[in-house]
Amino acid sequence: MAIEAVTDERPCPWSGTALAFVESYAGKIVIGAAISLLLIPVRRRPPEPLLHSVLSVATPLLTYLSAEPLHVSGVLAVVTCGLVTTRFGPRVIGSDARIQVIAF
């Protein structure tokens, strides 16, 4: 948007730019939070700590791959997913699985 505003001969419509900015960041945050909230119940079920390690690696990858086809930044979606998972993870994941994930 910034390059287009500088190189284009027309005046920049700030209302459209602000709306596009908000939509862009809101989409990234919604995707990251949604995937995290969908996977938190899945993380309650595995009885094996090793499966928690696999899920801890697969969750950011799944988030990134879900965000990119929608043309939003996968990086911000992964950061949001990580923040939400960190907030609710200790309540869901047992201590033995957390120790193994940290070691992993």
PDB file of N, CA and C in Angstrom:
ATOM      1  N   MET A   1       0.815  -1.186   0.000  1.00  0.00           N
ATOM      2  CA  MET A   1       0.000   0.000   0.000  1.00  0.00           C
ATOM      3  C   MET A   1       0.860   1.252   0.000  1.00  0.00           C
ATOM      4  N   ALA A   2       1.932   1.232   0.751  1.00  0.00           N
ATOM      5  CA  ALA A   2       2.779   2.414   0.850  1.00  0.00           C
ATOM      6  C   ALA A   2       3.436   2.716  -0.488  1.00  0.00           C
ATOM      7  N   ILE A   3       3.907   1.699  -1.189  1.00  0.00           N
ATOM      8  CA  ILE A   3       4.545   1.915  -2.486  1.00  0.00           C
ATOM      9  C   ILE A   3       3.526   2.424  -3.486  1.00  0.00           C
ATOM     10  N   GLU A   4       2.334   1.868  -3.453  1.00  0.00           N
ATOM     11  CA  GLU A   4       1.280   2.324  -4.356  1.00  0.00           C
ATOM     12  C   GLU A   4       0.915   3.775  -4.084  1.00  0.00           C
ATOM     13  N   ALA A   5       0.882   4.170  -2.829  1.00  0.00           N
ATOM     14  CA  ALA A   5       0.542   5.556  -2.488  1.00  0.00           C
ATOM     15  C   ALA A   5       1.611   6.527  -2.975  1.00  0.00           C
ATOM     16  N   VAL A   6       2.866   6.102  -2.953  1.00  0.00           N
ATOM     17  CA  VAL A   6       3.959   6.979  -3.381  1.00  0.00           C
ATOM     18  C   VAL A   6       4.058   7.045  -4.895  1.00  0.00           C
ATOM     19  N   THR A   7       3.918   5.924  -5.578  1.00  0.00           N
ATOM     20  CA  THR A   7       4.127   5.882  -7.023  1.00  0.00           C
ATOM     21  C   THR A   7       2.899   6.245  -7.835  1.00  0.00           C
ATOM     22  N   ASP A   8       1.740   6.160  -7.261  1.00  0.00           N
ATOM     23  CA  ASP A   8       0.508   6.440  -7.992  1.00  0.00           C
ATOM     24  C   ASP A   8       0.281   7.943  -8.054  1.00  0.00           C
ATOM     25  N   GLU A   9      -0.263   8.381  -9.164  1.00  0.00           N
ATOM     26  CA  GLU A   9      -0.521   9.812  -9.363  1.00  0.00           C
ATOM     27  C   GLU A   9      -1.786  10.282  -8.636  1.00  0.00           C
ATOM     28  N   ARG A  10      -2.651   9.359  -8.288  1.00  0.00           N
ATOM     29  CA  ARG A  10      -3.925   9.724  -7.660  1.00  0.00           C
ATOM     30  C   ARG A  10      -3.746   9.954  -6.171  1.00  0.00           C
ATOM     31  N   PRO A  11      -4.645  10.740  -5.568  1.00  0.00           N
ATOM     32  CA  PRO A  11      -4.575  10.909  -4.105  1.00  0.00           C
ATOM     33  C   PRO A  11      -4.929   9.599  -3.400  1.00  0.00           C
ATOM     34  N   CYS A  12      -4.347   9.416  -2.246  1.00  0.00           N
ATOM     35  CA  CYS A  12      -4.541   8.187  -1.480  1.00  0.00           C
ATOM     36  C   CYS A  12      -5.814   8.281  -0.638  1.00  0.00           C
ATOM     37  N   PRO A  13      -6.753   7.360  -0.834  1.00  0.00           N
ATOM     38  CA  PRO A  13      -7.953   7.371   0.009  1.00  0.00           C
ATOM     39  C   PRO A  13      -7.634   6.736   1.368  1.00  0.00           C
ATOM     40  N   TRP A  14      -7.512   7.533   2.398  1.00  0.00           N
ATOM     41  CA  TRP A  14      -7.097   7.034   3.706  1.00  0.00           C
ATOM     42  C   TRP A  14      -8.122   6.120   4.350  1.00  0.00           C
ATOM     43  N   SER A  15      -9.397   6.351   4.064  1.00  0.00           N
ATOM     44  CA  SER A  15     -10.402   5.471   4.666  1.00  0.00           C
ATOM     45  C   SER A  15     -10.267   4.046   4.124  1.00  0.00           C
ATOM     46  N   GLY A  16     -10.026   3.907   2.833  1.00  0.00           N
ATOM     47  CA  GLY A  16      -9.840   2.579   2.243  1.00  0.00           C
ATOM     48  C   GLY A  16      -8.554   1.930   2.706  1.00  0.00           C
ATOM     49  N   THR A  17      -7.514   2.738   2.861  1.00  0.00           N
ATOM     50  CA  THR A  17      -6.237   2.219   3.324  1.00  0.00           C
ATOM     51  C   THR A  17      -6.339   1.731   4.761  1.00  0.00           C
ATOM     52  N   ALA A  18      -6.980   2.497   5.600  1.00  0.00           N
ATOM     53  CA  ALA A  18      -7.136   2.101   6.999  1.00  0.00           C
ATOM     54  C   ALA A  18      -7.983   0.835   7.114  1.00  0.00           C
ATOM     55  N   LEU A  19      -9.027   0.755   6.308  1.00  0.00           N
ATOM     56  CA  LEU A  19      -9.881  -0.440   6.333  1.00  0.00           C
ATOM     57  C   LEU A  19      -9.114  -1.671   5.859  1.00  0.00           C
ATOM     58  N   ALA A  20      -8.318  -1.524   4.802  1.00  0.00           N
ATOM     59  CA  ALA A  20      -7.521  -2.651   4.310  1.00  0.00           C
ATOM     60  C   ALA A  20      -6.493  -3.087   5.355  1.00  0.00           C
ATOM     61  N   PHE A  21      -5.910  -2.136   6.064  1.00  0.00           N
ATOM     62  CA  PHE A  21      -4.933  -2.437   7.115  1.00  0.00           C
ATOM     63  C   PHE A  21      -5.583  -3.220   8.249  1.00  0.00           C
ATOM     64  N   VAL A  22      -6.750  -2.764   8.691  1.00  0.00           N
ATOM     65  CA  VAL A  22      -7.462  -3.447   9.779  1.00  0.00           C
ATOM     66  C   VAL A  22      -7.908  -4.834   9.338  1.00  0.00           C
ATOM     67  N   GLU A  23      -8.428  -4.955   8.124  1.00  0.00           N
ATOM     68  CA  GLU A  23      -8.857  -6.266   7.627  1.00  0.00           C
ATOM     69  C   GLU A  23      -7.684  -7.232   7.539  1.00  0.00           C
ATOM     70  N   SER A  24      -6.547  -6.728   7.091  1.00  0.00           N
ATOM     71  CA  SER A  24      -5.371  -7.574   6.950  1.00  0.00           C
ATOM     72  C   SER A  24      -4.924  -8.129   8.298  1.00  0.00           C
ATOM     73  N   TYR A  25      -4.789  -7.261   9.290  1.00  0.00           N
ATOM     74  CA  TYR A  25      -4.335  -7.730  10.598  1.00  0.00           C
ATOM     75  C   TYR A  25      -5.410  -8.529  11.319  1.00  0.00           C
ATOM     76  N   ALA A  26      -6.656  -8.160  11.158  1.00  0.00           N
ATOM     77  CA  ALA A  26      -7.725  -8.915  11.812  1.00  0.00           C
ATOM     78  C   ALA A  26      -7.794 -10.333  11.264  1.00  0.00           C
ATOM     79  N   GLY A  27      -7.601 -10.483   9.952  1.00  0.00           N
ATOM     80  CA  GLY A  27      -7.627 -11.815   9.356  1.00  0.00           C
ATOM     81  C   GLY A  27      -6.529 -12.711   9.896  1.00  0.00           C
ATOM     82  N   LYS A  28      -5.341 -12.146  10.068  1.00  0.00           N
ATOM     83  CA  LYS A  28      -4.217 -12.920  10.587  1.00  0.00           C
ATOM     84  C   LYS A  28      -4.470 -13.355  12.026  1.00  0.00           C
ATOM     85  N   ILE A  29      -4.966 -12.434  12.811  1.00  0.00           N
ATOM     86  CA  ILE A  29      -5.208 -12.724  14.219  1.00  0.00           C
ATOM     87  C   ILE A  29      -6.333 -13.740  14.384  1.00  0.00           C
ATOM     88  N   VAL A  30      -7.382 -13.601  13.587  1.00  0.00           N
ATOM     89  CA  VAL A  30      -8.513 -14.529  13.672  1.00  0.00           C
ATOM     90  C   VAL A  30      -8.087 -15.937  13.279  1.00  0.00           C
ATOM     91  N   ILE A  31      -7.301 -16.062  12.229  1.00  0.00           N
ATOM     92  CA  ILE A  31      -6.853 -17.396  11.796  1.00  0.00           C
ATOM     93  C   ILE A  31      -5.990 -18.043  12.868  1.00  0.00           C
ATOM     94  N   GLY A  32      -5.034 -17.294  13.411  1.00  0.00           N
ATOM     95  CA  GLY A  32      -4.159 -17.849  14.445  1.00  0.00           C
ATOM     96  C   GLY A  32      -4.917 -18.264  15.690  1.00  0.00           C
ATOM     97  N   ALA A  33      -5.837 -17.415  16.132  1.00  0.00           N
ATOM     98  CA  ALA A  33      -6.616 -17.733  17.332  1.00  0.00           C
ATOM     99  C   ALA A  33      -7.563 -18.901  17.085  1.00  0.00           C
ATOM    100  N   ALA A  34      -8.165 -18.947  15.905  1.00  0.00           N
ATOM    101  CA  ALA A  34      -9.117 -20.022  15.603  1.00  0.00           C
ATOM    102  C   ALA A  34      -8.425 -21.386  15.576  1.00  0.00           C
ATOM    103  N   ILE A  35      -7.283 -21.461  14.925  1.00  0.00           N
ATOM    104  CA  ILE A  35      -6.583 -22.746  14.864  1.00  0.00           C
ATOM    105  C   ILE A  35      -6.113 -23.163  16.251  1.00  0.00           C
ATOM    106  N   SER A  36      -5.636 -22.208  17.019  1.00  0.00           N
ATOM    107  CA  SER A  36      -5.204 -22.539  18.377  1.00  0.00           C
ATOM    108  C   SER A  36      -6.367 -23.047  19.217  1.00  0.00           C
ATOM    109  N   LEU A  37      -7.499 -22.364  19.134  1.00  0.00           N
ATOM    110  CA  LEU A  37      -8.663 -22.788  19.921  1.00  0.00           C
ATOM    111  C   LEU A  37      -9.243 -24.109  19.429  1.00  0.00           C
ATOM    112  N   LEU A  38      -9.066 -24.410  18.147  1.00  0.00           N
ATOM    113  CA  LEU A  38      -9.514 -25.706  17.633  1.00  0.00           C
ATOM    114  C   LEU A  38      -8.597 -26.844  18.082  1.00  0.00           C
ATOM    115  N   LEU A  39      -7.320 -26.553  18.231  1.00  0.00           N
ATOM    116  CA  LEU A  39      -6.379 -27.611  18.584  1.00  0.00           C
ATOM    117  C   LEU A  39      -6.212 -27.808  20.087  1.00  0.00           C
ATOM    118  N   ILE A  40      -6.654 -26.871  20.888  1.00  0.00           N
ATOM    119  CA  ILE A  40      -6.540 -27.045  22.341  1.00  0.00           C
ATOM    120  C   ILE A  40      -7.335 -28.268  22.823  1.00  0.00           C
ATOM    121  N   PRO A  41      -8.574 -28.482  22.380  1.00  0.00           N
ATOM    122  CA  PRO A  41      -9.270 -29.717  22.803  1.00  0.00           C
ATOM    123  C   PRO A  41      -8.571 -30.983  22.291  1.00  0.00           C
ATOM    124  N   VAL A  42      -7.934 -30.904  21.129  1.00  0.00           N
ATOM    125  CA  VAL A  42      -7.212 -32.060  20.606  1.00  0.00           C
ATOM    126  C   VAL A  42      -6.017 -32.374  21.498  1.00  0.00           C
ATOM    127  N   ARG A  43      -5.402 -31.344  22.057  1.00  0.00           N
ATOM    128  CA  ARG A  43      -4.233 -31.555  22.915  1.00  0.00           C
ATOM    129  C   ARG A  43      -4.604 -32.168  24.255  1.00  0.00           C
ATOM    130  N   ARG A  44      -5.848 -32.173  24.623  1.00  0.00           N
ATOM    131  CA  ARG A  44      -6.268 -32.823  25.884  1.00  0.00           C
ATOM    132  C   ARG A  44      -6.270 -34.334  25.769  1.00  0.00           C
ATOM    133  N   ARG A  45      -6.490 -34.831  24.594  1.00  0.00           N
ATOM    134  CA  ARG A  45      -6.749 -36.254  24.403  1.00  0.00           C
ATOM    135  C   ARG A  45      -5.526 -37.160  24.364  1.00  0.00           C
ATOM    136  N   PRO A  46      -4.406 -36.772  23.719  1.00  0.00           N
ATOM    137  CA  PRO A  46      -3.318 -37.754  23.584  1.00  0.00           C
ATOM    138  C   PRO A  46      -2.770 -38.220  24.926  1.00  0.00           C
ATOM    139  N   PRO A  47      -2.763 -39.529  25.155  1.00  0.00           N
ATOM    140  CA  PRO A  47      -2.238 -40.039  26.422  1.00  0.00           C
ATOM    141  C   PRO A  47      -0.707 -40.053  26.460  1.00  0.00           C
ATOM    142  N   GLU A  48      -0.077 -40.030  25.299  1.00  0.00           N
ATOM    143  CA  GLU A  48       1.372 -40.119  25.216  1.00  0.00           C
ATOM    144  C   GLU A  48       1.999 -38.730  25.151  1.00  0.00           C
ATOM    145  N   PRO A  49       3.010 -38.460  25.942  1.00  0.00           N
ATOM    146  CA  PRO A  49       3.697 -37.173  25.869  1.00  0.00           C
ATOM    147  C   PRO A  49       4.352 -36.922  24.509  1.00  0.00           C
ATOM    148  N   LEU A  50       4.749 -37.999  23.817  1.00  0.00           N
ATOM    149  CA  LEU A  50       5.367 -37.843  22.510  1.00  0.00           C
ATOM    150  C   LEU A  50       4.402 -37.212  21.502  1.00  0.00           C
ATOM    151  N   LEU A  51       3.123 -37.536  21.605  1.00  0.00           N
ATOM    152  CA  LEU A  51       2.142 -36.939  20.703  1.00  0.00           C
ATOM    153  C   LEU A  51       2.003 -35.440  20.939  1.00  0.00           C
ATOM    154  N   HIS A  52       2.206 -35.003  22.158  1.00  0.00           N
ATOM    155  CA  HIS A  52       2.191 -33.567  22.430  1.00  0.00           C
ATOM    156  C   HIS A  52       3.368 -32.881  21.741  1.00  0.00           C
ATOM    157  N   SER A  53       4.506 -33.566  21.680  1.00  0.00           N
ATOM    158  CA  SER A  53       5.654 -33.008  20.971  1.00  0.00           C
ATOM    159  C   SER A  53       5.357 -32.861  19.487  1.00  0.00           C
ATOM    160  N   VAL A  54       4.720 -33.867  18.920  1.00  0.00           N
ATOM    161  CA  VAL A  54       4.351 -33.805  17.508  1.00  0.00           C
ATOM    162  C   VAL A  54       3.353 -32.669  17.278  1.00  0.00           C
ATOM    163  N   LEU A  55       2.384 -32.535  18.159  1.00  0.00           N
ATOM    164  CA  LEU A  55       1.409 -31.447  18.015  1.00  0.00           C
ATOM    165  C   LEU A  55       2.054 -30.077  18.204  1.00  0.00           C
ATOM    166  N   SER A  56       3.053 -29.983  19.049  1.00  0.00           N
ATOM    167  CA  SER A  56       3.698 -28.686  19.247  1.00  0.00           C
ATOM    168  C   SER A  56       4.478 -28.258  18.005  1.00  0.00           C
ATOM    169  N   VAL A  57       4.933 -29.202  17.202  1.00  0.00           N
ATOM    170  CA  VAL A  57       5.601 -28.876  15.948  1.00  0.00           C
ATOM    171  C   VAL A  57       4.575 -28.676  14.830  1.00  0.00           C
ATOM    172  N   ALA A  58       3.518 -29.462  14.835  1.00  0.00           N
ATOM    173  CA  ALA A  58       2.537 -29.410  13.759  1.00  0.00           C
ATOM    174  C   ALA A  58       1.618 -28.190  13.848  1.00  0.00           C
ATOM    175  N   THR A  59       1.368 -27.687  15.032  1.00  0.00           N
ATOM    176  CA  THR A  59       0.440 -26.562  15.192  1.00  0.00           C
ATOM    177  C   THR A  59       0.911 -25.305  14.460  1.00  0.00           C
ATOM    178  N   PRO A  60       2.152 -24.852  14.633  1.00  0.00           N
ATOM    179  CA  PRO A  60       2.572 -23.666  13.880  1.00  0.00           C
ATOM    180  C   PRO A  60       2.584 -23.900  12.373  1.00  0.00           C
ATOM    181  N   LEU A  61       2.982 -25.104  11.956  1.00  0.00           N
ATOM    182  CA  LEU A  61       2.992 -25.399  10.533  1.00  0.00           C
ATOM    183  C   LEU A  61       1.579 -25.372   9.962  1.00  0.00           C
ATOM    184  N   LEU A  62       0.650 -25.978  10.657  1.00  0.00           N
ATOM    185  CA  LEU A  62      -0.741 -25.973  10.215  1.00  0.00           C
ATOM    186  C   LEU A  62      -1.296 -24.553  10.162  1.00  0.00           C
ATOM    187  N   THR A  63      -0.948 -23.744  11.132  1.00  0.00           N
ATOM    188  CA  THR A  63      -1.408 -22.358  11.147  1.00  0.00           C
ATOM    189  C   THR A  63      -0.849 -21.590   9.963  1.00  0.00           C
ATOM    190  N   TYR A  64       0.426 -21.740   9.719  1.00  0.00           N
ATOM    191  CA  TYR A  64       1.067 -21.038   8.606  1.00  0.00           C
ATOM    192  C   TYR A  64       0.461 -21.463   7.271  1.00  0.00           C
ATOM    193  N   LEU A  65       0.294 -22.766   7.094  1.00  0.00           N
ATOM    194  CA  LEU A  65      -0.248 -23.266   5.827  1.00  0.00           C
ATOM    195  C   LEU A  65      -1.722 -22.913   5.647  1.00  0.00           C
ATOM    196  N   SER A  66      -2.425 -22.651   6.728  1.00  0.00           N
ATOM    197  CA  SER A  66      -3.824 -22.223   6.623  1.00  0.00           C
ATOM    198  C   SER A  66      -3.935 -20.741   6.274  1.00  0.00           C
ATOM    199  N   ALA A  67      -2.988 -19.948   6.719  1.00  0.00           N
ATOM    200  CA  ALA A  67      -3.053 -18.506   6.503  1.00  0.00           C
ATOM    201  C   ALA A  67      -2.582 -18.109   5.109  1.00  0.00           C
ATOM    202  N   GLU A  68      -1.581 -18.753   4.592  1.00  0.00           N
ATOM    203  CA  GLU A  68      -0.988 -18.344   3.319  1.00  0.00           C
ATOM    204  C   GLU A  68      -1.949 -18.412   2.132  1.00  0.00           C
ATOM    205  N   PRO A  69      -2.774 -19.450   1.970  1.00  0.00           N
ATOM    206  CA  PRO A  69      -3.697 -19.443   0.825  1.00  0.00           C
ATOM    207  C   PRO A  69      -4.726 -18.311   0.881  1.00  0.00           C
ATOM    208  N   LEU A  70      -4.970 -17.781   2.060  1.00  0.00           N
ATOM    209  CA  LEU A  70      -5.913 -16.664   2.195  1.00  0.00           C
ATOM    210  C   LEU A  70      -5.229 -15.322   2.002  1.00  0.00           C
ATOM    211  N   HIS A  71      -3.948 -15.355   1.635  1.00  0.00           N
ATOM    212  CA  HIS A  71      -3.142 -14.160   1.352  1.00  0.00           C
ATOM    213  C   HIS A  71      -3.023 -13.239   2.558  1.00  0.00           C
ATOM    214  N   VAL A  72      -2.901 -13.832   3.711  1.00  0.00           N
ATOM    215  CA  VAL A  72      -2.568 -13.080   4.915  1.00  0.00           C
ATOM    216  C   VAL A  72      -1.244 -13.642   5.427  1.00  0.00           C
ATOM    217  N   SER A  73      -0.566 -12.861   6.220  1.00  0.00           N
ATOM    218  CA  SER A  73       0.753 -13.270   6.699  1.00  0.00           C
ATOM    219  C   SER A  73       0.640 -14.468   7.635  1.00  0.00           C
ATOM    220  N   GLY A  74       1.317 -15.529   7.266  1.00  0.00           N
ATOM    221  CA  GLY A  74       1.334 -16.704   8.111  1.00  0.00           C
ATOM    222  C   GLY A  74       2.127 -16.487   9.383  1.00  0.00           C
ATOM    223  N   VAL A  75       3.087 -15.558   9.330  1.00  0.00           N
ATOM    224  CA  VAL A  75       3.930 -15.315  10.501  1.00  0.00           C
ATOM    225  C   VAL A  75       3.111 -14.730  11.649  1.00  0.00           C
ATOM    226  N   LEU A  76       2.306 -13.725  11.385  1.00  0.00           N
ATOM    227  CA  LEU A  76       1.486 -13.142  12.451  1.00  0.00           C
ATOM    228  C   LEU A  76       0.430 -14.126  12.935  1.00  0.00           C
ATOM    229  N   ALA A  77      -0.081 -14.953  12.045  1.00  0.00           N
ATOM    230  CA  ALA A  77      -1.036 -15.985  12.455  1.00  0.00           C
ATOM    231  C   ALA A  77      -0.371 -16.990  13.391  1.00  0.00           C
ATOM    232  N   VAL A  78       0.881 -17.356  13.108  1.00  0.00           N
ATOM    233  CA  VAL A  78       1.612 -18.298  13.966  1.00  0.00           C
ATOM    234  C   VAL A  78       1.906 -17.658  15.320  1.00  0.00           C
ATOM    235  N   VAL A  79       2.278 -16.383  15.324  1.00  0.00           N
ATOM    236  CA  VAL A  79       2.544 -15.692  16.589  1.00  0.00           C
ATOM    237  C   VAL A  79       1.282 -15.646  17.441  1.00  0.00           C
ATOM    238  N   THR A  80       0.154 -15.318  16.820  1.00  0.00           N
ATOM    239  CA  THR A  80      -1.113 -15.283  17.553  1.00  0.00           C
ATOM    240  C   THR A  80      -1.472 -16.664  18.079  1.00  0.00           C
ATOM    241  N   CYS A  81      -1.290 -17.677  17.268  1.00  0.00           N
ATOM    242  CA  CYS A  81      -1.564 -19.052  17.695  1.00  0.00           C
ATOM    243  C   CYS A  81      -0.690 -19.422  18.886  1.00  0.00           C
ATOM    244  N   GLY A  82       0.574 -19.038  18.831  1.00  0.00           N
ATOM    245  CA  GLY A  82       1.474 -19.324  19.938  1.00  0.00           C
ATOM    246  C   GLY A  82       1.081 -18.616  21.219  1.00  0.00           C
ATOM    247  N   LEU A  83       0.637 -17.366  21.105  1.00  0.00           N
ATOM    248  CA  LEU A  83       0.214 -16.623  22.291  1.00  0.00           C
ATOM    249  C   LEU A  83      -1.035 -17.236  22.922  1.00  0.00           C
ATOM    250  N   VAL A  84      -1.997 -17.624  22.088  1.00  0.00           N
ATOM    251  CA  VAL A  84      -3.222 -18.226  22.619  1.00  0.00           C
ATOM    252  C   VAL A  84      -2.925 -19.594  23.216  1.00  0.00           C
ATOM    253  N   THR A  85      -2.096 -20.384  22.546  1.00  0.00           N
ATOM    254  CA  THR A  85      -1.752 -21.705  23.058  1.00  0.00           C
ATOM    255  C   THR A  85      -0.983 -21.600  24.371  1.00  0.00           C
ATOM    256  N   THR A  86      -0.088 -20.620  24.458  1.00  0.00           N
ATOM    257  CA  THR A  86       0.664 -20.417  25.688  1.00  0.00           C
ATOM    258  C   THR A  86      -0.246 -20.023  26.833  1.00  0.00           C
ATOM    259  N   ARG A  87      -1.277 -19.267  26.529  1.00  0.00           N
ATOM    260  CA  ARG A  87      -2.206 -18.827  27.565  1.00  0.00           C
ATOM    261  C   ARG A  87      -3.016 -19.996  28.123  1.00  0.00           C
ATOM    262  N   PHE A  88      -3.500 -20.880  27.252  1.00  0.00           N
ATOM    263  CA  PHE A  88      -4.374 -21.971  27.683  1.00  0.00           C
ATOM    264  C   PHE A  88      -3.665 -23.314  27.797  1.00  0.00           C
ATOM    265  N   GLY A  89      -2.461 -23.442  27.280  1.00  0.00           N
ATOM    266  CA  GLY A  89      -1.746 -24.710  27.268  1.00  0.00           C
ATOM    267  C   GLY A  89      -1.511 -25.335  28.622  1.00  0.00           C
ATOM    268  N   PRO A  90      -1.020 -24.578  29.626  1.00  0.00           N
ATOM    269  CA  PRO A  90      -0.752 -25.202  30.925  1.00  0.00           C
ATOM    270  C   PRO A  90      -1.988 -25.800  31.590  1.00  0.00           C
ATOM    271  N   ARG A  91      -3.160 -25.298  31.260  1.00  0.00           N
ATOM    272  CA  ARG A  91      -4.391 -25.863  31.830  1.00  0.00           C
ATOM    273  C   ARG A  91      -4.790 -27.162  31.148  1.00  0.00           C
ATOM    274  N   VAL A  92      -4.335 -27.343  29.924  1.00  0.00           N
ATOM    275  CA  VAL A  92      -4.771 -28.472  29.110  1.00  0.00           C
ATOM    276  C   VAL A  92      -3.739 -29.589  29.080  1.00  0.00           C
ATOM    277  N   ILE A  93      -2.490 -29.218  28.967  1.00  0.00           N
ATOM    278  CA  ILE A  93      -1.421 -30.194  28.791  1.00  0.00           C
ATOM    279  C   ILE A  93      -0.856 -30.571  30.153  1.00  0.00           C
ATOM    280  N   GLY A  94      -0.696 -31.856  30.389  1.00  0.00           N
ATOM    281  CA  GLY A  94      -0.165 -32.344  31.656  1.00  0.00           C
ATOM    282  C   GLY A  94       1.305 -31.987  31.845  1.00  0.00           C
ATOM    283  N   SER A  95       1.761 -32.076  33.075  1.00  0.00           N
ATOM    284  CA  SER A  95       3.132 -31.676  33.387  1.00  0.00           C
ATOM    285  C   SER A  95       4.166 -32.575  32.721  1.00  0.00           C
ATOM    286  N   ASP A  96       3.896 -33.878  32.639  1.00  0.00           N
ATOM    287  CA  ASP A  96       4.863 -34.774  31.999  1.00  0.00           C
ATOM    288  C   ASP A  96       5.011 -34.464  30.517  1.00  0.00           C
ATOM    289  N   ALA A  97       3.910 -34.122  29.860  1.00  0.00           N
ATOM    290  CA  ALA A  97       3.976 -33.768  28.445  1.00  0.00           C
ATOM    291  C   ALA A  97       4.684 -32.431  28.245  1.00  0.00           C
ATOM    292  N   ARG A  98       4.474 -31.474  29.156  1.00  0.00           N
ATOM    293  CA  ARG A  98       5.157 -30.172  29.040  1.00  0.00           C
ATOM    294  C   ARG A  98       6.650 -30.320  29.220  1.00  0.00           C
ATOM    295  N   ILE A  99       7.061 -31.186  30.134  1.00  0.00           N
ATOM    296  CA  ILE A  99       8.499 -31.406  30.339  1.00  0.00           C
ATOM    297  C   ILE A  99       9.115 -32.009  29.081  1.00  0.00           C
ATOM    298  N   GLN A 100       8.425 -32.967  28.476  1.00  0.00           N
ATOM    299  CA  GLN A 100       8.960 -33.575  27.254  1.00  0.00           C
ATOM    300  C   GLN A 100       8.973 -32.574  26.103  1.00  0.00           C
ATOM    301  N   VAL A 101       7.949 -31.733  25.993  1.00  0.00           N
ATOM    302  CA  VAL A 101       7.913 -30.741  24.913  1.00  0.00           C
ATOM    303  C   VAL A 101       9.047 -29.743  25.083  1.00  0.00           C
ATOM    304  N   ILE A 102       9.318 -29.320  26.302  1.00  0.00           N
ATOM    305  CA  ILE A 102      10.419 -28.384  26.536  1.00  0.00           C
ATOM    306  C   ILE A 102      11.746 -29.035  26.174  1.00  0.00           C
ATOM    307  N   ALA A 103      11.917 -30.283  26.529  1.00  0.00           N
ATOM    308  CA  ALA A 103      13.143 -30.980  26.182  1.00  0.00           C
ATOM    309  C   ALA A 103      13.242 -31.207  24.677  1.00  0.00           C
ATOM    310  N   PHE A 104      12.112 -31.406  24.049  1.00  0.00           N
ATOM    311  CA  PHE A 104      12.084 -31.631  22.600  1.00  0.00           C
ATOM    312  C   PHE A 104      12.511 -30.382  21.883  1.00  0.00           C
TER     313      PHE A 104
END
